[in-house]
N, C-alpha and C. Protein backbone atom coordinates (compact mmCIF):
# COMPACT_ATOMS: atom_id res chain seq x y z
N MET A 1 0.83 -1.18 0.00
CA MET A 1 0.00 0.00 0.00
C MET A 1 0.88 1.25 0.00
N PHE A 2 1.92 1.24 0.80
CA PHE A 2 2.82 2.40 0.87
C PHE A 2 3.46 2.66 -0.48
N LEU A 3 3.90 1.60 -1.16
CA LEU A 3 4.55 1.79 -2.47
C LEU A 3 3.57 2.33 -3.50
N GLN A 4 2.33 1.88 -3.46
CA GLN A 4 1.31 2.41 -4.38
C GLN A 4 1.15 3.91 -4.18
N GLN A 5 1.03 4.33 -2.94
CA GLN A 5 0.83 5.75 -2.66
C GLN A 5 2.07 6.57 -3.01
N LEU A 6 3.25 6.01 -2.76
CA LEU A 6 4.48 6.71 -3.10
C LEU A 6 4.60 6.87 -4.61
N CYS A 7 4.27 5.82 -5.35
CA CYS A 7 4.31 5.87 -6.81
C CYS A 7 3.30 6.90 -7.33
N GLN A 8 2.11 6.91 -6.76
CA GLN A 8 1.09 7.87 -7.17
C GLN A 8 1.56 9.30 -6.93
N LEU A 9 2.17 9.54 -5.78
CA LEU A 9 2.67 10.87 -5.45
C LEU A 9 3.75 11.32 -6.42
N CYS A 10 4.69 10.43 -6.74
CA CYS A 10 5.77 10.77 -7.67
C CYS A 10 5.22 11.07 -9.07
N LEU A 11 4.32 10.21 -9.55
CA LEU A 11 3.76 10.43 -10.88
C LEU A 11 2.89 11.68 -10.93
N ARG A 12 2.17 11.93 -9.86
CA ARG A 12 1.31 13.12 -9.81
C ARG A 12 2.15 14.39 -9.94
N ASN A 13 3.27 14.42 -9.25
CA ASN A 13 4.16 15.58 -9.33
C ASN A 13 4.84 15.67 -10.69
N ALA A 14 5.23 14.54 -11.24
CA ALA A 14 5.92 14.54 -12.54
C ALA A 14 4.98 14.95 -13.67
N LEU A 15 3.70 14.61 -13.55
CA LEU A 15 2.75 14.88 -14.62
C LEU A 15 1.85 16.08 -14.32
N ASP A 16 2.22 16.88 -13.35
CA ASP A 16 1.43 18.06 -13.00
C ASP A 16 1.31 18.98 -14.22
N GLY A 17 0.09 19.32 -14.58
CA GLY A 17 -0.15 20.19 -15.73
C GLY A 17 -0.32 19.43 -17.04
N MET A 18 -0.19 18.12 -17.01
CA MET A 18 -0.35 17.31 -18.23
C MET A 18 -1.82 17.32 -18.64
N ALA A 19 -2.08 17.60 -19.90
CA ALA A 19 -3.46 17.68 -20.39
C ALA A 19 -3.85 16.44 -21.19
N ASP A 20 -2.89 15.63 -21.60
CA ASP A 20 -3.18 14.46 -22.43
C ASP A 20 -3.79 13.34 -21.58
N PRO A 21 -5.06 12.98 -21.82
CA PRO A 21 -5.70 11.95 -20.99
C PRO A 21 -5.07 10.57 -21.17
N PHE A 22 -4.48 10.29 -22.32
CA PHE A 22 -3.86 8.98 -22.54
C PHE A 22 -2.60 8.83 -21.70
N THR A 23 -1.85 9.88 -21.55
CA THR A 23 -0.65 9.85 -20.71
C THR A 23 -1.05 9.67 -19.25
N LEU A 24 -2.07 10.39 -18.82
CA LEU A 24 -2.53 10.26 -17.44
C LEU A 24 -3.08 8.86 -17.17
N ARG A 25 -3.79 8.29 -18.13
CA ARG A 25 -4.31 6.92 -17.98
C ARG A 25 -3.16 5.93 -17.89
N ALA A 26 -2.14 6.11 -18.72
CA ALA A 26 -0.98 5.22 -18.67
C ALA A 26 -0.28 5.31 -17.32
N ALA A 27 -0.24 6.49 -16.74
CA ALA A 27 0.38 6.65 -15.42
C ALA A 27 -0.40 5.91 -14.35
N GLU A 28 -1.71 5.84 -14.48
CA GLU A 28 -2.53 5.13 -13.50
C GLU A 28 -2.20 3.64 -13.45
N LEU A 29 -1.69 3.09 -14.53
CA LEU A 29 -1.35 1.67 -14.57
C LEU A 29 -0.29 1.33 -13.52
N PHE A 30 0.49 2.30 -13.10
CA PHE A 30 1.55 2.05 -12.14
C PHE A 30 1.06 1.94 -10.70
N PHE A 31 -0.08 2.56 -10.38
CA PHE A 31 -0.49 2.57 -8.98
C PHE A 31 -1.93 2.16 -8.73
N ARG A 32 -2.72 1.87 -9.76
CA ARG A 32 -4.10 1.42 -9.56
C ARG A 32 -4.24 -0.01 -10.06
N PRO A 33 -4.87 -0.89 -9.28
CA PRO A 33 -5.07 -2.28 -9.72
C PRO A 33 -5.89 -2.31 -11.02
N GLN A 34 -5.49 -3.21 -11.92
CA GLN A 34 -6.13 -3.32 -13.23
C GLN A 34 -6.68 -4.73 -13.43
N ASN A 35 -7.72 -4.84 -14.23
CA ASN A 35 -8.21 -6.12 -14.72
C ASN A 35 -7.86 -6.18 -16.19
N ALA A 36 -7.32 -7.30 -16.63
CA ALA A 36 -6.91 -7.44 -18.02
C ALA A 36 -7.72 -8.54 -18.69
N THR A 37 -8.01 -8.34 -19.97
CA THR A 37 -8.68 -9.35 -20.76
C THR A 37 -8.22 -9.22 -22.20
N VAL A 38 -8.35 -10.30 -22.96
CA VAL A 38 -8.02 -10.28 -24.38
C VAL A 38 -9.33 -10.32 -25.14
N HIS A 39 -9.52 -9.35 -26.03
CA HIS A 39 -10.74 -9.25 -26.84
C HIS A 39 -10.33 -9.03 -28.28
N GLU A 40 -10.69 -9.97 -29.13
CA GLU A 40 -10.36 -9.92 -30.56
C GLU A 40 -8.87 -9.71 -30.79
N GLY A 41 -8.06 -10.39 -29.99
CA GLY A 41 -6.62 -10.33 -30.15
C GLY A 41 -5.95 -9.11 -29.54
N LEU A 42 -6.72 -8.27 -28.87
CA LEU A 42 -6.16 -7.07 -28.24
C LEU A 42 -6.21 -7.21 -26.73
N LEU A 43 -5.19 -6.73 -26.06
CA LEU A 43 -5.16 -6.72 -24.60
C LEU A 43 -5.86 -5.46 -24.11
N LEU A 44 -6.89 -5.64 -23.30
CA LEU A 44 -7.63 -4.51 -22.75
C LEU A 44 -7.41 -4.45 -21.25
N LEU A 45 -7.14 -3.26 -20.74
CA LEU A 45 -6.98 -3.04 -19.31
C LEU A 45 -8.08 -2.12 -18.83
N ALA A 46 -8.62 -2.43 -17.66
CA ALA A 46 -9.66 -1.59 -17.06
C ALA A 46 -9.36 -1.44 -15.58
N ASP A 47 -9.66 -0.29 -15.07
CA ASP A 47 -9.46 -0.01 -13.65
C ASP A 47 -10.36 -0.94 -12.83
N ALA A 48 -9.78 -1.71 -11.94
CA ALA A 48 -10.52 -2.70 -11.16
C ALA A 48 -11.60 -2.07 -10.29
N GLU A 49 -11.32 -0.92 -9.69
CA GLU A 49 -12.29 -0.26 -8.83
C GLU A 49 -13.49 0.23 -9.63
N VAL A 50 -13.25 0.78 -10.81
CA VAL A 50 -14.35 1.26 -11.65
C VAL A 50 -15.21 0.08 -12.12
N LEU A 51 -14.58 -1.02 -12.50
CA LEU A 51 -15.34 -2.20 -12.91
C LEU A 51 -16.22 -2.71 -11.77
N GLU A 52 -15.69 -2.74 -10.57
CA GLU A 52 -16.46 -3.21 -9.42
C GLU A 52 -17.66 -2.29 -9.17
N GLN A 53 -17.47 -0.98 -9.28
CA GLN A 53 -18.57 -0.04 -9.09
C GLN A 53 -19.66 -0.26 -10.13
N ARG A 54 -19.26 -0.43 -11.37
CA ARG A 54 -20.24 -0.64 -12.45
C ARG A 54 -20.98 -1.96 -12.27
N PHE A 55 -20.28 -3.00 -11.82
CA PHE A 55 -20.92 -4.29 -11.59
C PHE A 55 -21.99 -4.16 -10.51
N VAL A 56 -21.66 -3.47 -9.42
CA VAL A 56 -22.61 -3.28 -8.32
C VAL A 56 -23.80 -2.46 -8.79
N GLU A 57 -23.56 -1.40 -9.55
CA GLU A 57 -24.66 -0.56 -10.05
C GLU A 57 -25.59 -1.35 -10.96
N ARG A 58 -25.03 -2.14 -11.85
CA ARG A 58 -25.87 -2.93 -12.76
C ARG A 58 -26.67 -3.98 -12.00
N ALA A 59 -26.05 -4.62 -11.01
CA ALA A 59 -26.76 -5.62 -10.22
C ALA A 59 -27.90 -4.98 -9.44
N ARG A 60 -27.67 -3.78 -8.92
CA ARG A 60 -28.69 -3.08 -8.15
C ARG A 60 -29.84 -2.61 -9.05
N ASP A 61 -29.54 -2.23 -10.28
CA ASP A 61 -30.55 -1.68 -11.18
C ASP A 61 -31.39 -2.75 -11.87
N ARG A 62 -30.97 -3.99 -11.78
CA ARG A 62 -31.74 -5.05 -12.43
C ARG A 62 -33.06 -5.26 -11.71
N THR A 63 -34.11 -5.49 -12.47
CA THR A 63 -35.41 -5.77 -11.88
C THR A 63 -35.50 -7.25 -11.55
N PRO A 64 -36.45 -7.65 -10.69
CA PRO A 64 -36.60 -9.08 -10.39
C PRO A 64 -36.85 -9.92 -11.64
N ALA A 65 -37.55 -9.37 -12.62
CA ALA A 65 -37.80 -10.12 -13.86
C ALA A 65 -36.50 -10.39 -14.60
N ASP A 66 -35.56 -9.45 -14.52
CA ASP A 66 -34.27 -9.63 -15.18
C ASP A 66 -33.45 -10.73 -14.51
N ARG A 67 -33.68 -10.96 -13.23
CA ARG A 67 -32.90 -11.94 -12.48
C ARG A 67 -33.34 -13.37 -12.76
N ARG A 68 -34.60 -13.54 -13.20
CA ARG A 68 -35.08 -14.88 -13.50
C ARG A 68 -34.52 -15.35 -14.83
N PRO A 69 -34.11 -16.60 -14.92
CA PRO A 69 -33.62 -17.09 -16.21
C PRO A 69 -34.76 -17.15 -17.22
N THR A 70 -34.46 -16.85 -18.45
CA THR A 70 -35.48 -16.90 -19.49
C THR A 70 -35.56 -18.33 -20.03
N PRO A 71 -36.77 -18.84 -20.22
CA PRO A 71 -36.90 -20.22 -20.73
C PRO A 71 -36.46 -20.29 -22.19
N ARG A 72 -35.90 -21.42 -22.56
CA ARG A 72 -35.48 -21.62 -23.95
C ARG A 72 -36.66 -22.03 -24.83
N TRP A 73 -37.69 -22.53 -24.22
CA TRP A 73 -38.87 -22.94 -24.97
C TRP A 73 -40.10 -22.53 -24.18
N GLU A 74 -41.18 -22.37 -24.87
CA GLU A 74 -42.44 -21.99 -24.23
C GLU A 74 -43.21 -23.25 -23.86
N PRO A 75 -43.65 -23.38 -22.60
CA PRO A 75 -44.46 -24.55 -22.23
C PRO A 75 -45.82 -24.48 -22.90
N ARG A 76 -46.38 -25.65 -23.20
CA ARG A 76 -47.70 -25.70 -23.86
C ARG A 76 -48.81 -25.84 -22.86
């Protein structure tokens, strides 16, 4: 935890005034946990905390009807 915060502090000072969002996102890779996946041959990284928040929001917003499995066939 200490190293993460130290890295964040160093990068924050080094990139102070940086306007390029891609550079700032790349800097976050050094101190924020990431989830990685391969999609269509490309490596995708996503902030683990943001993914967790979105997962919780989607689970909360689902209606009870959405939670029930949909039948593959209609009973007669």
